């Protein structure tokens, strides 16, 4: 479906300092109704203007004589008055709001704990203005206490803001609707609802990426964020058990427990580039028993930091290893602190020293590849630890709408290996293209499971005759890959026929994310008919009667409008439409997981 929103040619957000959600919301709220209507156009215009940054001040030229400035001496814009404009309408001008909208959202703090910081920081403090200090990872388990009236009100505000976004879609969710969601996210953070608040921030980041046509944006990721937001907000609005509500509220920071002494072996390093304006790397390691541990270095920055952070020293103990070094070496850690998902802390009591590593073909790392791939996939779906360790033979290329992917034979399965990140400044896509020229090549690989109705994974690192290669950071050379088939040309394959036509349902839910409720109404904006009847027929023929019923309900809720006492059409029930969309999305999650488990069975 074609988007009708403005799509600027350039987007300077990586260079702008982050702005807290409450600041952006307040600056937008201060605009007059007339200026709010002009805000999206102002954002597009300001994105293309020259910008400079010096000594904590970022300046954007509104014209030859007027500048809007973002003052961030500590790296983040701290308050509304730190965004200043020299025009005659300031401070109630559209330029300040446009600059705040262009800037990344100051939400997630770096995932690398400072070396002199404790691993279990105190709960986030509020300053005199009620602003939350930047936080890092969640630290404590959800508390099984009742949801308070304040929390219920914050959840209601999140729900209402999310409903408006879903109704409008990417095309209609401009800066004003985004600011409303940011305001609700800030209230949710103050009410100790970190999980739905984080989902709201991810949703706004996804909307911005979609509207800016950023190359690494995926509609599916935006749909997932919006689903998480609606699901948590909806659950907190309804009666539930203490444990259920605690899980929906989430936790504010990550808990680090004592891990004792660890002997770790490096596996690979992957670049990280987030929509929140953070970048860096995460290095994966394993112990002798096969448990995985991560060493992150993620901080505010853009693609440049993602490319170069691998050459930074690991901030843990006295080791001088860089992240790239650690990927092929080992580490001895004493006094370790470890989160539930294997992230290593870097507090004062942690000591670390470099040690010998192990090849992927040597123990203890070789054991990771000895687990049957079907068992690995089932474990990934059950636990969320989604790395797969594959021994595969490259066989060809699959042409898909989103780009080419590799075909590989693994444990009797044909697996589709995709790019882990399509950002043009990272090496994933280029390396995938080079590997595609070498059919018959046998590789030992690490990939991330991609849930689908066929075996699918995002390729992260490979071991070739020339050594290990981290595909997001290392750029393969022609001599690294050698075709071994007689023809030297890769086999091409059509897109796989899904085992069940869930793609029909997914396409409709994602159309709503892009175009809003109007994507399913009987009359499209251009006058063409929109109907889901052929889709529901196909779903019922495939035995997916529940999917067909959900799609019918979604279409009906999109088109339904009541009448007042005079017979005039009333407003659409956007609340009912959001509930129908959420039910459809949740069904898709469960059905897709079941299909994915079956697809990896040999």
Protein backbone atom coordinates (compact mmCIF):
# COMPACT_ATOMS: atom_id res chain seq x y z
CA UNK A 1 0.00 0.00 0.00
CA UNK A 2 1.41 3.39 -0.97
CA UNK A 3 2.12 5.87 1.85
CA UNK A 4 0.87 9.42 1.43
CA UNK A 5 2.86 11.03 4.24
CA UNK A 6 5.86 13.29 3.49
CA UNK A 7 9.12 11.43 3.01
CA UNK A 8 12.15 13.68 3.51
CA UNK A 9 15.25 12.85 1.55
CA UNK A 10 17.55 13.26 4.55
CA UNK A 11 17.04 12.78 8.24
CA UNK A 12 19.66 14.21 10.61
CA UNK A 13 18.46 12.51 13.78
CA UNK A 14 21.72 10.60 14.46
CA UNK A 15 23.51 13.95 14.97
CA UNK A 16 20.85 15.56 17.14
CA UNK A 17 21.00 15.16 20.92
CA UNK A 18 18.25 13.01 22.44
CA UNK A 19 15.18 14.78 23.79
CA UNK A 20 13.12 13.28 26.66
CA UNK A 21 9.56 12.30 25.71
CA UNK A 22 7.99 14.73 28.16
CA UNK A 23 9.93 17.65 26.65
CA UNK A 24 8.80 16.86 23.11
CA UNK A 25 5.21 16.39 24.30
CA UNK A 26 5.21 19.73 26.15
CA UNK A 27 6.72 21.69 23.27
CA UNK A 28 4.17 20.28 20.82
CA UNK A 29 1.30 20.87 23.26
CA UNK A 30 2.25 24.55 23.49
CA UNK A 31 1.56 25.10 19.79
CA UNK A 32 -1.62 26.76 18.62
CA UNK A 33 -4.07 24.60 16.63
CA UNK A 34 -2.99 26.39 13.45
CA UNK A 35 0.69 25.61 14.03
CA UNK A 36 -0.05 21.99 14.91
CA UNK A 37 -1.48 21.55 11.43
CA UNK A 38 1.79 22.85 9.99
CA UNK A 39 4.07 20.76 12.21
CA UNK A 40 4.60 17.76 9.92
CA UNK A 41 5.55 20.03 7.01
CA UNK A 42 7.91 21.92 9.32
CA UNK A 43 9.57 18.65 10.37
CA UNK A 44 10.12 17.71 6.73
CA UNK A 45 11.56 21.12 5.93
CA UNK A 46 13.82 21.29 8.99
CA UNK A 47 15.18 17.79 8.29
CA UNK A 48 16.71 19.09 5.05
CA UNK A 49 18.29 22.22 6.57
CA UNK A 50 22.01 22.59 7.39
CA UNK A 51 23.02 21.65 10.92
CA UNK A 52 26.12 22.11 13.03
CA UNK A 53 27.10 20.91 16.48
CA UNK A 54 29.65 22.49 18.78
CA UNK A 55 30.32 22.42 22.52
CA UNK A 56 27.03 20.74 23.44
CA UNK A 57 24.88 22.99 21.23
CA UNK A 58 23.27 21.73 18.05
CA UNK A 59 22.14 24.45 15.61
CA UNK A 60 19.77 23.99 12.68
CA UNK A 61 19.44 26.82 10.18
CA UNK A 62 15.76 27.71 9.73
CA UNK A 63 16.85 30.23 7.11
CA UNK A 64 19.93 32.35 6.44
CA UNK A 65 19.42 34.44 9.59
CA UNK A 66 17.42 32.26 12.01
CA UNK A 67 18.54 29.21 13.93
CA UNK A 68 16.91 26.74 16.28
CA UNK A 69 19.27 25.46 18.97
CA UNK A 70 19.23 22.33 21.11
CA UNK A 71 21.36 22.81 24.23
CA UNK A 72 22.61 19.50 25.57
CA UNK A 73 25.76 20.06 27.66
CA UNK A 74 25.37 16.62 29.23
CA UNK A 75 24.55 14.95 25.93
CA UNK A 76 20.75 15.13 26.38
CA UNK A 77 18.32 18.03 26.12
CA UNK A 78 17.17 18.35 29.72
CA UNK A 79 14.22 20.76 29.59
CA UNK A 80 11.88 22.69 27.30
CA UNK A 81 13.88 25.91 27.55
CA UNK A 82 16.96 24.07 26.26
CA UNK A 83 15.33 24.15 22.80
CA UNK A 84 15.55 27.76 21.58
CA UNK A 85 14.66 29.53 18.38
CA UNK A 86 15.55 32.98 17.09
CA UNK A 87 12.32 33.58 15.16
CA UNK A 88 9.76 36.20 16.15
CA UNK A 89 7.16 33.64 17.29
CA UNK A 90 9.48 31.88 19.74
CA UNK A 91 9.05 30.22 22.13
CA UNK A 92 5.59 29.24 20.80
CA UNK A 93 6.94 28.60 17.32
CA UNK A 94 6.72 25.53 15.15
CA UNK A 95 10.51 25.30 14.75
CA UNK A 96 11.13 24.23 18.35
CA UNK A 97 8.51 21.49 18.08
CA UNK A 98 9.91 20.34 14.74
CA UNK A 99 13.44 20.12 16.18
CA UNK A 100 12.22 18.11 19.17
CA UNK A 101 10.36 15.76 16.83
CA UNK A 102 13.43 15.24 14.64
CA UNK A 103 15.66 14.39 17.59
CA UNK A 104 15.95 10.84 18.94
CA UNK A 105 13.99 10.07 22.08
CA UNK A 106 16.01 10.08 25.31
CA UNK A 107 14.70 6.89 26.79
CA UNK A 108 17.05 3.91 27.02
CA UNK A 109 20.41 4.61 28.57
CA UNK A 110 23.60 2.84 27.48
CA UNK A 111 23.63 -0.89 28.01
CA UNK A 112 27.23 -0.77 29.20
CA UNK A 113 27.40 -0.12 32.94
CA UNK A 114 30.12 2.35 33.96
CA UNK A 115 33.11 0.59 35.45
CA UNK A 116 32.76 2.49 38.72
CA UNK A 117 29.02 1.99 39.05
CA UNK A 118 27.26 -0.66 41.13
CA UNK A 119 25.52 -3.41 39.17
CA UNK A 120 22.24 -2.94 41.04
CA UNK A 121 21.49 0.79 40.95
CA UNK A 122 18.79 2.36 43.03
CA UNK A 123 15.35 3.04 41.51
CA UNK A 124 15.18 6.03 39.19
CA UNK A 125 14.96 9.35 40.99
CA UNK A 126 12.70 12.25 40.09
CA UNK A 127 14.06 15.76 39.83
CA UNK A 128 12.20 18.83 41.04
CA UNK A 129 10.30 19.07 37.76
CA UNK A 130 9.17 15.46 38.05
CA UNK A 131 11.44 14.29 35.24
CA UNK A 132 12.83 10.81 35.43
CA UNK A 133 16.59 10.50 35.31
CA UNK A 134 17.82 8.33 32.44
CA UNK A 135 17.77 4.66 33.36
CA UNK A 136 19.55 1.57 32.12
CA UNK A 137 18.37 -1.98 32.41
CA UNK A 138 15.62 -3.45 34.59
CA UNK A 139 16.97 -4.49 38.08
CA UNK A 140 14.35 -6.26 40.05
CA UNK A 141 11.65 -8.84 39.59
CA UNK A 142 8.10 -7.62 39.09
CA UNK A 143 6.37 -7.01 42.40
CA UNK A 144 3.06 -8.84 42.83
CA UNK A 145 1.09 -5.89 44.17
CA UNK A 146 -2.27 -4.52 43.04
CA UNK A 147 -2.34 -2.02 40.22
CA UNK A 148 -2.96 1.40 41.76
CA UNK A 149 -5.54 3.93 40.52
CA UNK A 150 -2.68 6.08 39.22
CA UNK A 151 -1.32 3.15 37.25
CA UNK A 152 -4.76 2.30 35.92
CA UNK A 153 -5.19 5.91 34.75
CA UNK A 154 -1.78 5.85 33.07
CA UNK A 155 -2.65 2.58 31.32
CA UNK A 156 -5.93 4.10 30.12
CA UNK A 157 -4.06 7.11 28.71
CA UNK A 158 -1.64 4.79 26.90
CA UNK A 159 -4.52 2.78 25.47
CA UNK A 160 -6.33 5.85 24.19
CA UNK A 161 -3.17 7.28 22.61
CA UNK A 162 -2.35 3.94 20.98
CA UNK A 163 -5.92 3.60 19.66
CA UNK A 164 -5.58 6.96 17.90
CA UNK A 165 -2.27 5.88 16.34
CA UNK A 166 -3.73 2.59 15.11
CA UNK A 167 -6.76 4.35 13.68
CA UNK A 168 -4.55 6.81 11.78
CA UNK A 169 -1.75 4.42 10.74
CA UNK A 170 1.71 5.56 9.75
CA UNK A 171 0.23 7.81 7.09
CA UNK A 172 -1.78 9.81 9.62
CA UNK A 173 0.28 9.48 12.80
CA UNK A 174 2.29 12.65 12.48
CA UNK A 175 4.11 14.65 15.11
CA UNK A 176 0.97 15.61 17.06
CA UNK A 177 -0.24 12.03 17.57
CA UNK A 178 3.33 10.98 18.35
CA UNK A 179 3.58 13.68 21.00
CA UNK A 180 0.36 12.44 22.58
CA UNK A 181 1.82 8.95 22.82
CA UNK A 182 5.07 10.34 24.27
CA UNK A 183 3.09 12.21 26.92
CA UNK A 184 1.27 9.02 27.86
CA UNK A 185 4.58 7.12 27.94
CA UNK A 186 6.06 9.66 30.34
CA UNK A 187 3.03 9.41 32.64
CA UNK A 188 3.35 5.62 32.52
CA UNK A 189 7.01 5.82 33.54
CA UNK A 190 6.13 8.04 36.50
CA UNK A 191 3.40 5.56 37.45
CA UNK A 192 5.93 2.68 37.45
CA UNK A 193 4.68 1.03 34.25
CA UNK A 194 8.03 0.52 32.49
CA UNK A 195 6.94 -2.23 30.13
CA UNK A 196 4.08 -0.41 28.38
CA UNK A 197 6.03 2.86 28.52
CA UNK A 198 8.94 1.25 26.69
CA UNK A 199 6.54 -0.19 24.11
CA UNK A 200 5.14 3.29 23.52
CA UNK A 201 8.62 4.68 22.90
CA UNK A 202 9.38 1.86 20.47
CA UNK A 203 6.13 2.61 18.67
CA UNK A 204 7.00 6.28 18.23
CA UNK A 205 10.48 5.36 17.01
CA UNK A 206 8.91 2.96 14.52
CA UNK A 207 6.48 5.61 13.29
CA UNK A 208 9.31 8.08 12.76
CA UNK A 209 11.41 5.53 10.91
CA UNK A 210 8.48 4.59 8.67
CA UNK A 211 7.59 8.19 7.86
CA UNK A 212 11.23 9.02 7.11
CA UNK A 213 11.51 5.93 4.85
CA UNK A 214 14.62 4.84 6.72
CA UNK A 215 16.27 1.91 4.92
CA UNK A 216 16.33 -0.45 7.90
CA UNK A 217 12.69 0.11 8.91
CA UNK A 218 10.45 -2.96 8.97
CA UNK A 219 6.68 -2.67 9.21
CA UNK A 220 6.58 -5.96 11.12
CA UNK A 221 8.71 -4.48 13.91
CA UNK A 222 6.40 -1.48 14.23
CA UNK A 223 3.41 -3.84 14.31
CA UNK A 224 5.07 -5.85 17.10
CA UNK A 225 5.72 -2.70 19.16
CA UNK A 226 2.14 -1.49 18.71
CA UNK A 227 0.81 -4.91 19.65
CA UNK A 228 2.93 -4.97 22.82
CA UNK A 229 1.70 -1.48 23.73
CA UNK A 230 -1.97 -2.31 23.18
CA UNK A 231 -1.73 -5.68 24.93
CA UNK A 232 -0.08 -4.37 28.10
CA UNK A 233 -2.27 -1.28 28.33
CA UNK A 234 -5.43 -3.30 27.72
CA UNK A 235 -4.46 -5.93 30.30
CA UNK A 236 -3.84 -3.32 32.98
CA UNK A 237 -7.29 -1.80 32.35
CA UNK A 238 -8.96 -5.10 33.20
CA UNK A 239 -9.18 -7.19 36.37
CA UNK A 240 -6.40 -9.73 36.72
CA UNK A 241 -4.27 -11.64 39.19
CA UNK A 242 -1.48 -9.90 41.06
CA UNK A 243 1.16 -11.86 39.16
CA UNK A 244 -0.45 -11.15 35.79
CA UNK A 245 -0.59 -7.41 36.44
CA UNK A 246 2.98 -7.43 37.75
CA UNK A 247 4.16 -9.00 34.50
CA UNK A 248 2.22 -6.42 32.47
CA UNK A 249 3.71 -3.55 34.46
CA UNK A 250 7.24 -4.86 33.90
CA UNK A 251 10.41 -3.90 35.72
CA UNK A 252 12.38 -0.69 35.72
CA UNK A 253 15.89 -2.11 35.65
CA UNK A 254 17.73 -5.36 35.08
CA UNK A 255 18.67 -7.53 38.07
CA UNK A 256 22.29 -8.64 38.34
CA UNK A 257 22.99 -11.64 40.54
CA UNK A 258 26.41 -12.87 41.73
CA UNK A 259 27.92 -15.16 39.12
CA UNK A 260 31.11 -16.20 40.91
CA UNK A 261 34.10 -17.08 38.74
CA UNK A 262 33.62 -17.63 35.01
CA UNK A 263 35.83 -19.00 32.24
CA UNK A 264 34.44 -17.67 28.99
CA UNK A 265 35.22 -18.29 25.32
CA UNK A 266 34.50 -15.67 22.66
CA UNK A 267 32.05 -16.46 19.87
CA UNK A 268 31.38 -13.35 17.79
CA UNK A 269 30.62 -9.62 17.95
CA UNK A 270 27.54 -8.06 16.41
CA UNK A 271 26.89 -4.36 15.77
CA UNK A 272 23.87 -2.74 17.41
CA UNK A 273 22.01 0.20 15.87
CA UNK A 274 18.73 1.17 17.50
CA UNK A 275 15.92 3.56 16.61
CA UNK A 276 16.40 5.30 19.98
CA UNK A 277 19.68 6.87 18.84
CA UNK A 278 21.98 4.32 20.48
CA UNK A 279 24.66 2.24 18.82
CA UNK A 280 27.59 -0.02 19.59
CA UNK A 281 28.33 -3.72 19.77
CA UNK A 282 27.51 -6.82 21.79
CA UNK A 283 30.10 -9.59 22.09
CA UNK A 284 28.78 -13.09 22.69
CA UNK A 285 30.70 -15.62 24.77
CA UNK A 286 30.03 -19.08 26.20
CA UNK A 287 31.25 -21.07 29.16
CA UNK A 288 32.32 -24.72 29.14
CA UNK A 289 28.74 -25.85 29.80
CA UNK A 290 27.39 -23.95 26.78
CA UNK A 291 25.66 -21.11 28.64
CA UNK A 292 25.81 -17.86 26.69
CA UNK A 293 26.97 -14.54 28.14
CA UNK A 294 27.03 -11.10 26.52
CA UNK A 295 29.36 -8.14 26.95
CA UNK A 296 27.67 -4.98 25.61
CA UNK A 297 29.01 -1.56 24.70
CA UNK A 298 26.02 0.47 23.54
CA UNK A 299 25.74 4.23 24.03
CA UNK A 300 24.22 7.26 22.26
CA UNK A 301 25.45 7.33 18.69
CA UNK A 302 24.75 6.37 15.12
CA UNK A 303 26.09 4.03 12.42
CA UNK A 304 29.64 5.28 12.92
CA UNK A 305 29.68 4.08 16.50
CA UNK A 306 28.18 0.73 15.50
CA UNK A 307 31.01 0.27 12.99
CA UNK A 308 33.85 1.25 15.33
CA UNK A 309 32.78 0.18 18.83
CA UNK A 310 34.21 -3.27 18.16
CA UNK A 311 37.66 -1.72 18.40
CA UNK A 312 36.98 -0.27 21.85
CA UNK A 313 38.36 -1.96 24.94
CA UNK A 314 36.04 -4.21 26.92
CA UNK A 315 35.29 -2.28 30.10
CA UNK A 316 35.58 -5.08 32.57
CA UNK A 317 38.38 -5.51 35.08
CA UNK A 318 41.93 -4.93 33.86
CA UNK A 319 41.65 -6.62 30.49
CA UNK A 320 42.94 -4.70 27.48
CA UNK A 321 40.98 -6.81 25.00
CA UNK A 322 38.82 -5.04 22.44
CA UNK A 323 35.45 -6.49 21.57
CA UNK A 324 36.88 -7.83 18.31
CA UNK A 325 39.72 -9.42 20.26
CA UNK A 326 37.34 -11.01 22.75
CA UNK A 327 35.28 -12.56 19.92
CA UNK A 328 38.23 -14.83 19.18
CA UNK A 329 39.84 -15.02 22.62
CA UNK A 330 38.82 -15.95 26.14
CA UNK A 331 38.11 -14.22 29.43
CA UNK A 332 38.52 -15.20 33.07
CA UNK A 333 36.11 -13.29 35.31
CA UNK A 334 35.98 -13.30 39.10
CA UNK A 335 33.29 -11.65 41.18
CA UNK A 336 31.04 -11.73 38.13
CA UNK A 337 27.53 -10.33 38.18
CA UNK A 338 25.08 -11.69 35.62
CA UNK A 339 21.54 -10.81 34.59
CA UNK A 340 18.93 -13.47 33.92
CA UNK A 341 19.55 -13.23 30.18
CA UNK A 342 23.32 -13.60 30.51
CA UNK A 343 24.42 -9.97 30.38
CA UNK A 344 27.62 -9.43 32.35
CA UNK A 345 27.84 -6.51 34.75
CA UNK A 346 30.89 -4.27 35.08
CA UNK A 347 30.76 -3.12 38.71
CA UNK A 348 33.62 -2.27 41.04
CA UNK A 349 34.01 -5.80 42.36
CA UNK A 350 34.35 -7.46 38.96
CA UNK A 351 37.81 -8.63 37.93
CA UNK A 352 38.65 -9.89 34.45
CA UNK A 353 41.74 -11.01 32.56
CA UNK A 354 42.29 -12.24 29.04
CA UNK A 355 42.76 -15.94 28.37
CA UNK A 356 43.06 -18.33 25.46
CA UNK A 357 40.03 -18.77 23.27
CA UNK A 358 38.75 -21.79 21.37
CA UNK A 359 37.99 -22.41 17.73
CA UNK A 360 34.38 -23.16 16.83
CA UNK A 361 35.52 -26.65 15.86
CA UNK A 362 37.13 -27.22 19.28
CA UNK A 363 35.59 -27.97 22.63
CA UNK A 364 33.91 -26.49 24.52
CA UNK A 365 32.45 -24.34 21.71
CA UNK A 366 31.99 -27.22 19.26
CA UNK A 367 29.31 -28.65 21.55
CA UNK A 368 27.03 -25.75 20.64
CA UNK A 369 26.80 -27.12 17.09
CA UNK A 370 26.12 -30.68 18.26
CA UNK A 371 22.54 -29.93 19.34
CA UNK A 372 20.02 -30.88 16.62
CA UNK A 373 18.72 -27.82 14.84
CA UNK A 374 15.07 -28.72 15.55
CA UNK A 375 15.86 -28.81 19.27
CA UNK A 376 17.64 -25.47 19.03
CA UNK A 377 14.65 -23.86 17.29
CA UNK A 378 12.20 -25.22 19.87
CA UNK A 379 14.41 -23.90 22.67
CA UNK A 380 14.61 -20.48 21.04
CA UNK A 381 10.83 -20.22 20.77
CA UNK A 382 10.33 -21.36 24.36
CA UNK A 383 13.03 -19.30 26.08
CA UNK A 384 13.65 -16.29 23.86
CA UNK A 385 17.35 -17.18 23.57
CA UNK A 386 17.21 -17.10 19.82
CA UNK A 387 20.72 -17.93 18.57
CA UNK A 388 21.06 -20.97 16.30
CA UNK A 389 24.34 -22.80 15.66
CA UNK A 390 24.22 -24.24 12.17
CA UNK A 391 26.41 -26.45 10.00
CA UNK A 392 25.15 -25.74 6.50
CA UNK A 393 25.96 -25.94 2.83
CA UNK A 394 25.12 -22.89 0.73
CA UNK A 395 22.99 -23.94 -2.23
CA UNK A 396 21.62 -20.84 -3.89
CA UNK A 397 19.61 -17.65 -3.70
CA UNK A 398 15.94 -17.02 -3.00
CA UNK A 399 14.35 -13.96 -4.58
CA UNK A 400 11.96 -12.28 -2.16
CA UNK A 401 10.06 -9.00 -2.10
CA UNK A 402 12.22 -7.69 0.75
CA UNK A 403 15.51 -8.66 -0.92
CA UNK A 404 17.49 -11.78 -1.74
CA UNK A 405 18.33 -14.36 0.90
CA UNK A 406 20.66 -17.35 0.92
CA UNK A 407 19.48 -20.92 0.59
CA UNK A 408 21.33 -23.46 2.71
CA UNK A 409 20.94 -27.15 3.46
CA UNK A 410 21.11 -27.91 7.17
CA UNK A 411 20.15 -31.18 8.89
CA UNK A 412 17.97 -32.13 5.94
CA UNK A 413 16.20 -28.77 5.88
CA UNK A 414 16.35 -25.93 3.37
CA UNK A 415 16.97 -22.85 5.50
CA UNK A 416 16.60 -19.27 4.28
CA UNK A 417 19.41 -17.11 5.66
CA UNK A 418 18.63 -13.39 5.66
CA UNK A 419 20.50 -10.19 6.44
CA UNK A 420 20.47 -9.40 10.17
CA UNK A 421 20.37 -5.64 9.51
CA UNK A 422 19.75 -3.86 6.21
CA UNK A 423 21.33 -0.56 7.22
CA UNK A 424 23.60 0.39 4.31
CA UNK A 425 26.48 1.42 6.60
CA UNK A 426 26.72 -2.06 8.13
CA UNK A 427 28.25 -5.01 6.30
CA UNK A 428 25.45 -7.59 6.56
CA UNK A 429 23.79 -7.13 3.18
CA UNK A 430 27.06 -6.83 1.24
CA UNK A 431 28.44 -9.99 2.85
CA UNK A 432 25.26 -11.91 2.14
CA UNK A 433 25.53 -10.98 -1.53
CA UNK A 434 29.12 -12.22 -1.69
CA UNK A 435 28.26 -15.52 0.01
CA UNK A 436 25.51 -15.99 -2.57
CA UNK A 437 28.19 -16.28 -5.26
CA UNK A 438 29.68 -19.37 -3.62
CA UNK A 439 27.18 -22.24 -3.88
CA UNK A 440 28.48 -25.48 -2.46
CA UNK A 441 30.44 -23.72 0.28
CA UNK A 442 30.26 -25.49 3.62
CA UNK A 443 29.92 -23.03 6.52
CA UNK A 444 29.68 -23.23 10.26
CA UNK A 445 27.39 -20.35 11.17
CA UNK A 446 25.69 -18.50 13.98
CA UNK A 447 22.28 -17.08 13.14
CA UNK A 448 19.24 -15.65 14.88
CA UNK A 449 15.93 -17.47 14.53
CA UNK A 450 13.35 -15.59 12.46
CA UNK A 451 9.86 -16.95 13.22
CA UNK A 452 8.21 -18.01 9.97
CA UNK A 453 6.27 -20.86 8.43
CA UNK A 454 9.52 -22.15 6.92
CA UNK A 455 13.05 -22.50 8.37
CA UNK A 456 14.46 -18.97 8.43
CA UNK A 457 17.27 -17.26 10.31
CA UNK A 458 19.28 -14.02 10.19
CA UNK A 459 22.96 -14.71 9.55
CA UNK A 460 25.33 -13.17 12.13
CA UNK A 461 28.72 -14.85 11.81
CA UNK A 462 30.38 -17.59 9.76
CA UNK A 463 33.51 -19.73 9.85
CA UNK A 464 35.14 -20.09 6.44
CA UNK A 465 38.51 -21.58 5.44
CA UNK A 466 39.99 -18.10 5.95
CA UNK A 467 38.70 -17.90 9.53
CA UNK A 468 35.79 -16.49 11.51
CA UNK A 469 33.94 -13.48 10.21
CA UNK A 470 31.45 -11.25 12.05
CA UNK A 471 29.11 -10.38 9.20
CA UNK A 472 28.00 -7.03 10.57
CA UNK A 473 31.55 -5.73 11.05
CA UNK A 474 33.93 -7.64 8.75
CA UNK A 475 33.68 -7.17 5.03
CA UNK A 476 34.33 -10.44 3.22
CA UNK A 477 36.73 -10.43 0.30
CA UNK A 478 36.48 -12.47 -2.88
CA UNK A 479 39.27 -14.77 -1.69
CA UNK A 480 37.24 -15.64 1.42
CA UNK A 481 34.62 -17.48 -0.63
CA UNK A 482 35.22 -19.94 -3.43
CA UNK A 483 32.40 -21.51 -5.46
CA UNK A 484 32.60 -25.29 -5.35
CA UNK A 485 29.75 -26.25 -7.69
CA UNK A 486 30.73 -27.06 -11.29
CA UNK A 487 28.81 -24.15 -12.75
CA UNK A 488 29.78 -21.67 -10.07
CA UNK A 489 26.33 -20.12 -10.31
CA UNK A 490 23.86 -20.19 -7.42
CA UNK A 491 20.59 -22.00 -7.66
CA UNK A 492 17.55 -19.74 -7.47
CA UNK A 493 14.34 -20.65 -5.73
CA UNK A 494 10.86 -19.15 -5.58
CA UNK A 495 9.35 -17.99 -2.32
CA UNK A 496 8.26 -20.96 -0.19
CA UNK A 497 4.61 -21.90 -0.15
CA UNK A 498 3.54 -21.39 3.47
CA UNK A 499 2.09 -24.41 5.21
CA UNK A 500 -0.91 -22.31 6.18
CA UNK A 501 -1.94 -18.98 4.60
CA UNK A 502 -1.30 -16.89 7.70
CA UNK A 503 0.44 -14.38 5.45
CA UNK A 504 -3.06 -13.26 4.44
CA UNK A 505 -3.87 -12.29 7.99
CA UNK A 506 -0.46 -10.73 8.58
CA UNK A 507 -0.75 -8.65 5.42
CA UNK A 508 -4.07 -7.22 6.60
CA UNK A 509 -2.80 -6.37 10.09
CA UNK A 510 0.26 -4.64 8.63
CA UNK A 511 -1.88 -2.74 6.13
CA UNK A 512 -3.71 -1.30 9.12
CA UNK A 513 -0.41 -0.27 10.70
CA UNK A 514 0.51 1.58 7.51
CA UNK A 515 -2.81 3.15 6.47
CA UNK A 516 -4.94 2.88 9.61
CA UNK A 517 -8.55 1.79 9.87
CA UNK A 518 -9.31 3.05 6.35
CA UNK A 519 -7.21 0.15 4.96
CA UNK A 520 -10.14 -2.16 5.77
CA UNK A 521 -13.13 0.04 5.12
CA UNK A 522 -15.35 -0.75 2.15
CA UNK A 523 -14.28 2.31 0.20
CA UNK A 524 -10.63 3.20 -0.17
CA UNK A 525 -9.53 6.87 -0.27
CA UNK A 526 -9.13 6.63 -4.05
CA UNK A 527 -12.59 5.17 -4.46
CA UNK A 528 -11.66 1.51 -5.04
CA UNK A 529 -13.40 -1.25 -3.10
CA UNK A 530 -11.72 -2.91 -0.13
CA UNK A 531 -13.10 -6.28 0.92
CA UNK A 532 -11.70 -9.18 2.91
CA UNK A 533 -14.20 -11.76 1.59
CA UNK A 534 -11.70 -13.53 -0.74
CA UNK A 535 -9.21 -13.67 2.13
CA UNK A 536 -11.62 -15.22 4.58
CA UNK A 537 -12.64 -17.77 1.93
CA UNK A 538 -9.00 -18.83 1.51
CA UNK A 539 -8.51 -19.04 5.25
CA UNK A 540 -11.57 -21.24 5.72
CA UNK A 541 -10.51 -23.52 2.86
CA UNK A 542 -7.16 -23.96 4.67
CA UNK A 543 -8.99 -24.97 7.85
CA UNK A 544 -8.21 -21.67 9.62
CA UNK A 545 -11.76 -20.84 10.64
CA UNK A 546 -10.65 -18.84 13.68
CA UNK A 547 -8.39 -16.71 11.51
CA UNK A 548 -11.28 -16.11 9.10
CA UNK A 549 -13.60 -15.10 11.94
CA UNK A 550 -11.02 -12.71 13.34
CA UNK A 551 -10.50 -11.09 9.95
CA UNK A 552 -14.26 -10.73 9.45
CA UNK A 553 -14.55 -9.13 12.90
CA UNK A 554 -11.65 -6.79 12.12
CA UNK A 555 -13.23 -5.65 8.86
CA UNK A 556 -16.64 -5.21 10.47
CA UNK A 557 -15.24 -3.12 13.33
CA UNK A 558 -13.37 -0.94 10.83
CA UNK A 559 -16.52 -0.20 8.83
CA UNK A 560 -19.08 -0.05 11.63
CA UNK A 561 -20.51 3.39 12.44
CA UNK A 562 -23.57 4.00 14.52
CA UNK A 563 -26.30 6.55 13.92
CA UNK A 564 -27.66 9.25 16.17
CA UNK A 565 -31.33 9.93 16.89
CA UNK A 566 -31.68 11.79 13.60
CA UNK A 567 -30.24 8.92 11.57
CA UNK A 568 -26.93 10.64 10.91
CA UNK A 569 -23.76 8.55 10.79
CA UNK A 570 -21.72 8.81 13.94
CA UNK A 571 -18.03 8.38 14.58
CA UNK A 572 -16.38 5.02 14.18
CA UNK A 573 -15.82 2.92 17.30
CA UNK A 574 -12.03 3.11 17.30
CA UNK A 575 -11.85 1.32 20.65
CA UNK A 576 -13.65 -1.74 19.28
CA UNK A 577 -11.45 -1.64 16.18
CA UNK A 578 -8.28 -1.64 18.33
CA UNK A 579 -9.56 -4.62 20.34
CA UNK A 580 -10.30 -6.53 17.13
CA UNK A 581 -6.86 -5.73 15.70
CA UNK A 582 -5.17 -6.79 18.95
CA UNK A 583 -7.06 -10.10 19.03
CA UNK A 584 -5.97 -10.78 15.44
CA UNK A 585 -2.34 -9.92 16.18
CA UNK A 586 -2.25 -12.16 19.26
CA UNK A 587 -3.70 -15.06 17.30
CA UNK A 588 -1.03 -14.53 14.65
CA UNK A 589 1.70 -14.76 17.28
CA UNK A 590 0.48 -18.08 18.62
CA UNK A 591 -0.24 -19.62 15.24
CA UNK A 592 3.08 -18.45 13.79
CA UNK A 593 5.02 -19.91 16.71
CA UNK A 594 3.29 -23.26 16.23
CA UNK A 595 4.05 -23.24 12.49
CA UNK A 596 7.65 -22.24 13.14
CA UNK A 597 8.16 -25.14 15.54
CA UNK A 598 6.80 -27.53 12.94
CA UNK A 599 8.88 -26.07 10.11
CA UNK A 600 12.17 -26.87 11.87
CA UNK A 601 11.28 -30.50 12.47
CA UNK A 602 13.28 -32.80 10.19
